[in-house]
């Protein structure tokens, strides 16, 4: 059996034991038969890190050398020196492609150096000839010129730098009241490379790093690419986005072992829980809905509101479709986190139609309490300490927030904190003892 298949089996065994379909003895026999899974070697990640670090040091050294007596040089000399780092980085990249094509360290280091030197040369030439421009245009030019490096060297670090560049471009453009929806086709340019990496091995270092970066970048971009014509649309958009991340990670990356190997699942779950906590307060539900839409005050062309309609509808719908698949597969965690967009739509409708926040906030009070209790209980049952602590943390955050909203005196609040601290300690001690007993039996 392949390593991925064994990982999937080990991921399913705790749930099968909890449902009574397998006995603990059968679980132990299966694990003894297939043996432990060898952990992923950190060597490849270390190679990437040290390769990039070397590239950064080289790039910084080149720039410091050029900065020496820079103002005393003539303009033609400065122009030549402005292109020199780029030429040297291109030479190193070409040498790597022809002589070290299988070396991950060389590809990552050369790719990172070349990407950085593209930006440095653009800046130096612009400074030498006093070429005017703005920061968003510089970032977009740099990112687009660096994109071929990603594919030529098949490297993840230039891909991360490209993703950073277009995200920064979208943020600065939005800050200047520009139209930043171009982020989405720019980000889609990385999808063919991601598809190739996933086909070669979805649990490898490069696709995992890129997925973590995509989670962060898409979360930021979802907020800066909408025009907010309809107040409160972000509630449904982000609830759908985080639920969609979690469900994709749950369906197609379920066999991964460890926290860092499951970026979509963990990022989406954290996003849902943080949103649910925020939605228990009053401020998200104030002045939302069609009664407060910005149509009369919207000074941009109407077509600029298209991303609002597309993102605000397609992302929650996609999450709800995957939720239907979750119901058929009978995966409790998928059902728990996949309900977020439906609850967000319901809460949005209640707040916008009734012009009161109490029902919507109360809905997410109940949801966060149920989610915390379920994570706590199920984590204890299947011996997952992290899941148990997340459940405890969710319940604690909810109780603390509601107690600060109330008029209770400091004595009762202090007793509450003591009780919650004891609960954390007792639960973790019990879990550690149970794990120790299971380890001795094995």
Protein backbone atom coordinates (compact mmCIF):
# COMPACT_ATOMS: atom_id res chain seq x y z
CA UNK A 1 0.00 0.00 0.00
CA UNK A 2 1.27 3.48 -0.87
CA UNK A 3 2.30 5.97 1.78
CA UNK A 4 -0.62 8.24 0.91
CA UNK A 5 -3.09 5.35 1.24
CA UNK A 6 -1.65 4.42 4.65
CA UNK A 7 -1.89 8.05 5.74
CA UNK A 8 -5.53 8.12 4.68
CA UNK A 9 -6.20 4.88 6.58
CA UNK A 10 -4.55 6.18 9.76
CA UNK A 11 -6.58 9.39 9.44
CA UNK A 12 -9.84 7.39 9.26
CA UNK A 13 -9.09 4.88 12.02
CA UNK A 14 -9.91 7.17 15.00
CA UNK A 15 -13.31 8.02 13.50
CA UNK A 16 -14.08 4.34 12.82
CA UNK A 17 -13.17 3.43 16.40
CA UNK A 18 -15.27 6.30 17.77
CA UNK A 19 -18.28 5.11 15.74
CA UNK A 20 -17.87 1.55 16.97
CA UNK A 21 -17.09 0.14 13.54
CA UNK A 22 -13.64 -1.00 14.72
CA UNK A 23 -12.42 -2.11 18.11
CA UNK A 24 -9.30 -0.55 19.63
CA UNK A 25 -7.62 -3.95 19.27
CA UNK A 26 -8.31 -3.97 15.52
CA UNK A 27 -6.97 -0.44 15.29
CA UNK A 28 -3.75 -1.50 17.01
CA UNK A 29 -3.38 -4.58 14.76
CA UNK A 30 -3.79 -2.50 11.59
CA UNK A 31 -1.20 0.00 12.75
CA UNK A 32 1.18 -2.81 13.70
CA UNK A 33 0.66 -4.45 10.30
CA UNK A 34 1.38 -1.38 8.18
CA UNK A 35 3.92 0.10 10.57
CA UNK A 36 4.70 3.74 11.31
CA UNK A 37 4.73 6.30 8.55
CA UNK A 38 8.12 7.79 8.01
CA UNK A 39 7.86 11.52 8.57
CA UNK A 40 8.57 13.80 5.66
CA UNK A 41 12.22 14.64 5.53
CA UNK A 42 12.87 18.27 6.42
CA UNK A 43 15.90 18.27 4.16
CA UNK A 44 14.06 19.64 1.13
CA UNK A 45 12.55 22.49 3.11
CA UNK A 46 15.96 23.24 4.61
CA UNK A 47 17.44 23.28 1.12
CA UNK A 48 14.85 25.86 0.04
CA UNK A 49 15.41 28.02 3.11
CA UNK A 50 19.20 28.06 2.89
CA UNK A 51 19.16 28.48 -0.88
CA UNK A 52 16.92 31.51 -0.60
CA UNK A 53 18.95 32.89 2.31
CA UNK A 54 22.08 32.63 0.21
CA UNK A 55 20.35 34.42 -2.67
CA UNK A 56 19.19 37.21 -0.38
CA UNK A 57 22.69 37.69 1.03
CA UNK A 58 24.21 37.80 -2.44
CA UNK A 59 21.59 40.27 -3.63
CA UNK A 60 22.08 42.49 -0.59
CA UNK A 61 25.84 42.40 -1.08
CA UNK A 62 25.55 43.40 -4.73
CA UNK A 63 23.29 46.33 -3.86
CA UNK A 64 25.66 47.53 -1.13
CA UNK A 65 28.61 47.39 -3.51
CA UNK A 66 26.67 49.41 -6.08
CA UNK A 67 25.62 51.92 -3.44
CA UNK A 68 29.25 52.74 -2.73
CA UNK A 69 29.91 56.21 -4.24
CA UNK A 70 26.74 55.84 -6.35
CA UNK A 71 26.08 59.58 -6.54
CA UNK A 72 29.64 60.27 -7.75
CA UNK A 73 29.22 58.09 -10.85
CA UNK A 74 28.14 59.44 -14.21
CA UNK A 75 24.69 58.65 -15.54
CA UNK A 76 25.88 56.19 -18.26
CA UNK A 77 27.98 54.31 -15.71
CA UNK A 78 25.04 54.13 -13.32
CA UNK A 79 22.83 52.87 -16.15
CA UNK A 80 25.27 50.05 -16.88
CA UNK A 81 25.61 49.19 -13.22
CA UNK A 82 21.81 49.20 -12.88
CA UNK A 83 21.56 46.32 -15.33
CA UNK A 84 24.63 44.49 -14.03
CA UNK A 85 22.83 42.69 -11.13
CA UNK A 86 20.10 41.56 -13.51
CA UNK A 87 22.59 40.24 -16.05
CA UNK A 88 24.55 38.35 -13.39
CA UNK A 89 21.34 36.84 -11.96
CA UNK A 90 20.21 35.82 -15.47
CA UNK A 91 23.56 34.17 -16.06
CA UNK A 92 23.26 32.23 -12.82
CA UNK A 93 19.71 31.16 -13.71
CA UNK A 94 20.79 30.02 -17.18
CA UNK A 95 23.71 28.06 -15.73
CA UNK A 96 21.34 26.41 -13.25
CA UNK A 97 18.86 25.42 -15.97
CA UNK A 98 21.54 23.74 -18.08
CA UNK A 99 23.92 22.36 -15.46
CA UNK A 100 21.87 21.84 -12.27
CA UNK A 101 18.28 21.31 -13.47
CA UNK A 102 17.61 18.66 -10.81
CA UNK A 103 19.01 20.66 -7.91
CA UNK A 104 16.24 22.21 -5.86
CA UNK A 105 18.70 24.39 -3.95
CA UNK A 106 20.16 25.91 -7.12
CA UNK A 107 16.75 26.48 -8.73
CA UNK A 108 15.25 28.11 -5.67
CA UNK A 109 18.30 30.26 -4.95
CA UNK A 110 18.80 31.36 -8.55
CA UNK A 111 15.09 32.02 -8.97
CA UNK A 112 14.85 34.13 -5.83
CA UNK A 113 17.97 36.12 -6.78
CA UNK A 114 16.74 36.78 -10.33
CA UNK A 115 13.29 37.86 -9.13
CA UNK A 116 14.78 40.29 -6.63
CA UNK A 117 17.29 41.68 -9.12
CA UNK A 118 14.46 42.45 -11.56
CA UNK A 119 12.95 44.78 -9.00
CA UNK A 120 16.34 46.24 -8.10
CA UNK A 121 17.19 47.03 -11.74
CA UNK A 122 13.81 48.68 -12.33
CA UNK A 123 14.34 50.87 -9.28
CA UNK A 124 17.91 51.81 -10.18
CA UNK A 125 17.06 52.70 -13.77
CA UNK A 126 14.08 54.78 -12.65
CA UNK A 127 16.24 56.59 -10.10
CA UNK A 128 19.04 57.18 -12.59
CA UNK A 129 16.83 58.74 -15.26
CA UNK A 130 14.25 60.26 -12.86
CA UNK A 131 11.43 58.23 -14.38
CA UNK A 132 8.20 59.09 -12.61
CA UNK A 133 5.77 56.43 -11.52
CA UNK A 134 3.72 55.17 -8.64
CA UNK A 135 4.16 52.20 -6.32
CA UNK A 136 1.26 50.07 -7.69
CA UNK A 137 2.62 50.34 -11.25
CA UNK A 138 6.11 49.39 -10.08
CA UNK A 139 4.82 46.36 -8.16
CA UNK A 140 2.73 45.15 -11.09
CA UNK A 141 5.59 45.57 -13.56
CA UNK A 142 7.99 43.76 -11.25
CA UNK A 143 5.57 40.88 -10.66
CA UNK A 144 4.78 40.38 -14.36
CA UNK A 145 8.44 40.49 -15.39
CA UNK A 146 9.25 37.98 -12.65
CA UNK A 147 6.47 35.53 -13.50
CA UNK A 148 8.46 33.73 -16.27
CA UNK A 149 11.15 32.99 -13.66
CA UNK A 150 8.61 30.91 -11.76
CA UNK A 151 7.97 28.62 -14.73
CA UNK A 152 11.47 28.56 -16.20
CA UNK A 153 13.09 27.46 -12.95
CA UNK A 154 10.09 25.55 -11.59
CA UNK A 155 10.68 27.17 -8.22
CA UNK A 156 8.34 27.99 -5.35
CA UNK A 157 10.14 31.00 -3.87
CA UNK A 158 9.71 33.15 -7.02
CA UNK A 159 6.07 32.05 -7.00
CA UNK A 160 5.73 33.28 -3.43
CA UNK A 161 7.40 36.57 -4.37
CA UNK A 162 5.06 36.96 -7.34
CA UNK A 163 2.05 36.31 -5.13
CA UNK A 164 3.32 38.87 -2.63
CA UNK A 165 3.80 41.38 -5.43
CA UNK A 166 0.29 41.16 -6.86
CA UNK A 167 -1.23 41.20 -3.37
CA UNK A 168 0.70 44.35 -2.47
CA UNK A 169 -0.31 45.84 -5.82
CA UNK A 170 -4.00 45.18 -5.14
CA UNK A 171 -3.77 46.65 -1.62
CA UNK A 172 -2.01 49.83 -2.72
CA UNK A 173 -4.35 50.23 -5.69
CA UNK A 174 -7.35 49.92 -3.41
CA UNK A 175 -5.80 52.42 -0.99
CA UNK A 176 -5.62 54.89 -3.87
CA UNK A 177 -9.29 54.21 -4.73
CA UNK A 178 -8.36 52.13 -7.78
CA UNK A 179 -9.96 49.02 -9.24
CA UNK A 180 -8.09 45.98 -7.89
CA UNK A 181 -10.17 43.12 -9.34
CA UNK A 182 -7.30 42.38 -11.74
CA UNK A 183 -5.74 40.48 -8.86
CA UNK A 184 -7.84 37.40 -9.65
CA UNK A 185 -6.65 36.77 -13.24
CA UNK A 186 -3.11 37.58 -12.11
CA UNK A 187 -3.33 35.01 -9.32
CA UNK A 188 -4.84 32.48 -11.75
CA UNK A 189 -1.57 32.60 -13.73
CA UNK A 190 -0.05 30.44 -10.98
CA UNK A 191 -2.72 27.74 -11.22
CA UNK A 192 -1.08 25.71 -14.07
CA UNK A 193 2.12 25.44 -12.05
CA UNK A 194 0.20 24.50 -8.90
CA UNK A 195 -1.69 21.84 -10.86
CA UNK A 196 1.59 20.31 -12.06
CA UNK A 197 3.00 20.24 -8.54
CA UNK A 198 -0.18 18.70 -7.13
CA UNK A 199 -0.14 16.01 -9.80
CA UNK A 200 3.45 15.15 -8.91
CA UNK A 201 2.56 14.92 -5.20
CA UNK A 202 0.01 16.99 -3.38
CA UNK A 203 1.72 16.58 0.00
CA UNK A 204 5.16 17.76 -1.07
CA UNK A 205 6.86 20.90 0.18
CA UNK A 206 6.37 23.19 -2.81
CA UNK A 207 2.60 22.86 -3.29
CA UNK A 208 2.11 23.03 0.46
CA UNK A 209 4.06 26.29 0.76
CA UNK A 210 2.21 27.77 -2.21
CA UNK A 211 -1.17 26.78 -0.76
CA UNK A 212 -0.34 28.46 2.56
CA UNK A 213 0.62 31.62 0.69
CA UNK A 214 -2.52 31.44 -1.45
CA UNK A 215 -4.69 31.16 1.65
CA UNK A 216 -3.23 34.38 3.06
CA UNK A 217 -3.21 36.21 -0.27
CA UNK A 218 -6.77 35.28 -1.25
CA UNK A 219 -8.04 36.27 2.20
CA UNK A 220 -6.53 39.73 1.81
CA UNK A 221 -7.61 40.07 -1.83
CA UNK A 222 -11.22 39.16 -1.09
CA UNK A 223 -11.50 42.29 1.01
CA UNK A 224 -9.64 44.74 -1.24
CA UNK A 225 -11.17 43.74 -4.59
CA UNK A 226 -14.82 44.38 -3.73
CA UNK A 227 -16.31 47.88 -3.89
CA UNK A 228 -18.63 47.35 -0.88
CA UNK A 229 -21.65 48.71 -2.72
CA UNK A 230 -23.85 46.46 -0.59
CA UNK A 231 -22.93 46.99 3.09
CA UNK A 232 -22.24 43.77 4.95
CA UNK A 233 -21.58 41.67 1.85
CA UNK A 234 -18.21 40.72 3.34
CA UNK A 235 -20.04 38.69 6.00
CA UNK A 236 -21.31 36.15 3.47
CA UNK A 237 -18.19 36.39 1.30
CA UNK A 238 -15.71 35.53 4.04
CA UNK A 239 -17.92 32.90 5.64
CA UNK A 240 -18.16 31.18 2.25
CA UNK A 241 -14.44 31.60 1.55
CA UNK A 242 -13.22 30.04 4.79
CA UNK A 243 -15.79 27.24 4.63
CA UNK A 244 -14.74 26.53 1.03
CA UNK A 245 -11.08 26.35 2.06
CA UNK A 246 -11.86 23.93 4.86
CA UNK A 247 -14.04 21.65 2.74
CA UNK A 248 -11.50 21.48 -0.10
CA UNK A 249 -8.81 20.62 2.41
CA UNK A 250 -11.03 18.03 4.08
CA UNK A 251 -11.98 16.30 0.82
CA UNK A 252 -8.72 16.32 -1.14
CA UNK A 253 -6.05 16.56 1.54
CA UNK A 254 -7.49 14.32 4.23
CA UNK A 255 -4.57 11.90 4.20
CA UNK A 256 -1.97 14.53 5.10
CA UNK A 257 -0.25 14.18 8.46
CA UNK A 258 0.66 17.14 10.64
CA UNK A 259 -0.48 20.73 10.89
CA UNK A 260 1.65 22.29 8.14
CA UNK A 261 0.73 19.65 5.58
CA UNK A 262 -2.95 20.70 5.63
CA UNK A 263 -3.02 24.45 4.90
CA UNK A 264 -6.52 24.71 3.44
CA UNK A 265 -8.14 22.72 6.23
CA UNK A 266 -6.50 24.51 9.13
CA UNK A 267 -6.59 28.01 7.64
CA UNK A 268 -10.26 27.59 6.75
CA UNK A 269 -11.19 26.22 10.18
CA UNK A 270 -9.37 29.05 11.95
CA UNK A 271 -11.07 31.57 9.69
CA UNK A 272 -14.55 30.16 10.39
CA UNK A 273 -14.03 30.17 14.16
CA UNK A 274 -12.60 33.72 14.20
CA UNK A 275 -15.46 34.96 12.04
CA UNK A 276 -18.03 33.23 14.23
CA UNK A 277 -16.53 34.94 17.27
CA UNK A 278 -16.64 38.35 15.56
CA UNK A 279 -20.23 37.77 14.49
CA UNK A 280 -21.30 37.40 18.13
CA UNK A 281 -20.80 41.16 18.55
CA UNK A 282 -23.05 43.99 17.49
CA UNK A 283 -20.90 45.93 15.03
CA UNK A 284 -20.93 43.51 12.03
CA UNK A 285 -24.72 43.61 11.87
CA UNK A 286 -25.24 47.37 12.00
CA UNK A 287 -26.58 49.20 8.93
CA UNK A 288 -26.30 46.35 6.43
CA UNK A 289 -28.48 45.29 3.54
CA UNK A 290 -30.28 47.04 0.69
CA UNK A 291 -31.63 49.78 2.96
CA UNK A 292 -28.08 51.11 3.25
CA UNK A 293 -26.63 50.32 -0.18
CA UNK A 294 -24.28 52.86 -1.71
CA UNK A 295 -25.96 53.15 -5.10
CA UNK A 296 -26.82 56.83 -4.79
CA UNK A 297 -23.38 57.76 -3.44
CA UNK A 298 -21.31 55.41 -5.56
CA UNK A 299 -19.14 57.71 -7.69
CA UNK A 300 -17.55 54.97 -9.81
CA UNK A 301 -19.00 53.34 -12.95
CA UNK A 302 -21.52 50.62 -12.17
CA UNK A 303 -19.36 47.91 -13.74
CA UNK A 304 -16.89 48.27 -10.89
CA UNK A 305 -19.43 46.57 -8.64
CA UNK A 306 -19.26 43.35 -10.71
CA UNK A 307 -16.67 41.71 -8.38
CA UNK A 308 -19.08 42.26 -5.49
CA UNK A 309 -21.81 40.29 -7.24
CA UNK A 310 -19.50 37.58 -8.58
CA UNK A 311 -17.45 36.94 -5.44
CA UNK A 312 -20.35 37.48 -3.05
CA UNK A 313 -22.46 34.85 -4.79
CA UNK A 314 -20.12 32.27 -6.35
CA UNK A 315 -17.92 31.66 -3.30
CA UNK A 316 -20.79 30.97 -0.83
CA UNK A 317 -22.61 28.88 -3.45
CA UNK A 318 -19.49 26.78 -4.07
CA UNK A 319 -19.12 26.23 -0.33
CA UNK A 320 -22.76 25.17 -0.03
CA UNK A 321 -22.34 22.72 -2.93
CA UNK A 322 -19.39 21.13 -1.15
CA UNK A 323 -21.46 21.06 2.02
CA UNK A 324 -23.96 18.89 0.17
CA UNK A 325 -21.12 16.48 -0.65
CA UNK A 326 -20.19 16.55 3.04
CA UNK A 327 -23.69 15.49 4.04
CA UNK A 328 -23.48 12.51 1.68
CA UNK A 329 -20.05 11.53 3.00
CA UNK A 330 -21.18 11.93 6.60
CA UNK A 331 -18.11 13.83 7.79
CA UNK A 332 -18.99 15.67 11.02
CA UNK A 333 -16.20 18.25 10.85
CA UNK A 334 -17.12 19.15 7.29
CA UNK A 335 -20.73 19.62 8.32
CA UNK A 336 -19.74 21.72 11.33
CA UNK A 337 -17.57 24.19 9.41
CA UNK A 338 -19.51 23.98 6.15
CA UNK A 339 -22.62 25.42 7.81
CA UNK A 340 -20.90 28.81 8.24
CA UNK A 341 -22.03 30.36 4.92
CA UNK A 342 -25.64 29.27 5.42
CA UNK A 343 -25.69 30.76 8.92
CA UNK A 344 -24.03 33.93 7.60
CA UNK A 345 -26.71 34.31 4.91
CA UNK A 346 -29.44 33.72 7.49
CA UNK A 347 -27.88 36.20 9.92
CA UNK A 348 -27.46 38.77 7.15
CA UNK A 349 -31.11 38.41 6.16
CA UNK A 350 -32.30 38.75 9.76
CA UNK A 351 -30.17 41.84 10.44
CA UNK A 352 -31.01 43.60 7.18
CA UNK A 353 -34.75 42.88 7.26
CA UNK A 354 -35.40 43.48 10.95
CA UNK A 355 -32.77 46.18 11.50
CA UNK A 356 -31.74 44.53 14.76
CA UNK A 357 -28.56 42.65 15.55
CA UNK A 358 -29.68 40.47 18.47
CA UNK A 359 -31.03 37.46 16.48
CA UNK A 360 -27.97 37.34 14.19
CA UNK A 361 -25.47 37.70 17.04
CA UNK A 362 -27.39 35.14 19.09
CA UNK A 363 -27.31 32.71 16.17
CA UNK A 364 -23.52 32.80 16.15
CA UNK A 365 -23.38 32.65 19.95
CA UNK A 366 -25.15 29.32 19.66
CA UNK A 367 -23.03 28.19 16.71
CA UNK A 368 -19.72 28.97 18.42
CA UNK A 369 -20.87 27.22 21.61
CA UNK A 370 -21.96 24.09 19.72
CA UNK A 371 -18.76 24.08 17.63
CA UNK A 372 -16.59 24.45 20.72
CA UNK A 373 -18.38 21.69 22.61
CA UNK A 374 -18.25 19.33 19.64
CA UNK A 375 -14.54 19.94 19.06
CA UNK A 376 -13.87 19.47 22.78
CA UNK A 377 -15.81 16.24 23.14
CA UNK A 378 -14.71 14.69 19.86
CA UNK A 379 -11.10 15.66 20.50
CA UNK A 380 -11.20 13.83 23.83
CA UNK A 381 -12.85 10.77 22.27
CA UNK A 382 -10.32 10.36 19.46
CA UNK A 383 -7.29 11.49 21.52
CA UNK A 384 -6.58 14.67 19.51
CA UNK A 385 -5.20 17.19 21.96
CA UNK A 386 -5.04 20.03 19.45
CA UNK A 387 -8.70 19.65 18.49
CA UNK A 388 -9.69 19.48 22.13
CA UNK A 389 -7.79 22.69 22.94
CA UNK A 390 -9.35 24.49 19.98
CA UNK A 391 -12.78 23.57 21.33
CA UNK A 392 -11.84 24.81 24.79
CA UNK A 393 -10.46 28.01 23.32
CA UNK A 394 -13.66 28.66 21.36
CA UNK A 395 -15.83 28.18 24.45
CA UNK A 396 -13.49 30.32 26.55
CA UNK A 397 -13.51 33.16 24.00
CA UNK A 398 -17.29 33.11 23.84
CA UNK A 399 -17.75 33.10 27.62
CA UNK A 400 -15.18 35.81 28.20
CA UNK A 401 -16.71 38.05 25.52
CA UNK A 402 -20.21 37.65 26.92
CA UNK A 403 -19.05 38.21 30.51
CA UNK A 404 -17.35 41.45 29.52
CA UNK A 405 -20.56 42.51 27.80
CA UNK A 406 -22.45 41.99 31.04
CA UNK A 407 -22.38 43.98 34.28
CA UNK A 408 -20.89 41.26 36.49
CA UNK A 409 -18.44 42.38 39.13
CA UNK A 410 -14.74 41.57 39.13
CA UNK A 411 -15.12 38.75 41.66
CA UNK A 412 -17.35 36.70 39.37
CA UNK A 413 -15.16 37.44 36.37
CA UNK A 414 -12.10 36.35 38.31
CA UNK A 415 -13.78 33.12 39.36
CA UNK A 416 -14.72 32.50 35.73
CA UNK A 417 -11.09 32.85 34.63
CA UNK A 418 -9.96 30.49 37.40
CA UNK A 419 -12.57 27.90 36.38
CA UNK A 420 -11.57 28.12 32.71
CA UNK A 421 -7.88 27.80 33.57
CA UNK A 422 -8.57 24.70 35.68
CA UNK A 423 -10.62 23.24 32.81
CA UNK A 424 -7.69 23.74 30.41
CA UNK A 425 -5.21 22.12 32.80
CA UNK A 426 -7.41 19.16 33.73
CA UNK A 427 -8.37 18.39 30.14
CA UNK A 428 -4.76 18.46 28.95
CA UNK A 429 -3.52 16.36 31.88
CA UNK A 430 -6.20 13.75 31.21
CA UNK A 431 -5.33 13.73 27.52
CA UNK A 432 -1.60 13.35 28.17
CA UNK A 433 -2.21 10.47 30.59
CA UNK A 434 -4.48 8.74 28.10
CA UNK A 435 -1.88 9.09 25.35
CA UNK A 436 0.78 7.75 27.67
CA UNK A 437 -1.37 4.72 28.53
CA UNK A 438 -2.07 4.02 24.88
CA UNK A 439 1.62 4.28 24.08
CA UNK A 440 2.53 1.78 26.79
CA UNK A 441 -0.13 -0.68 25.54
CA UNK A 442 1.19 -0.40 22.02
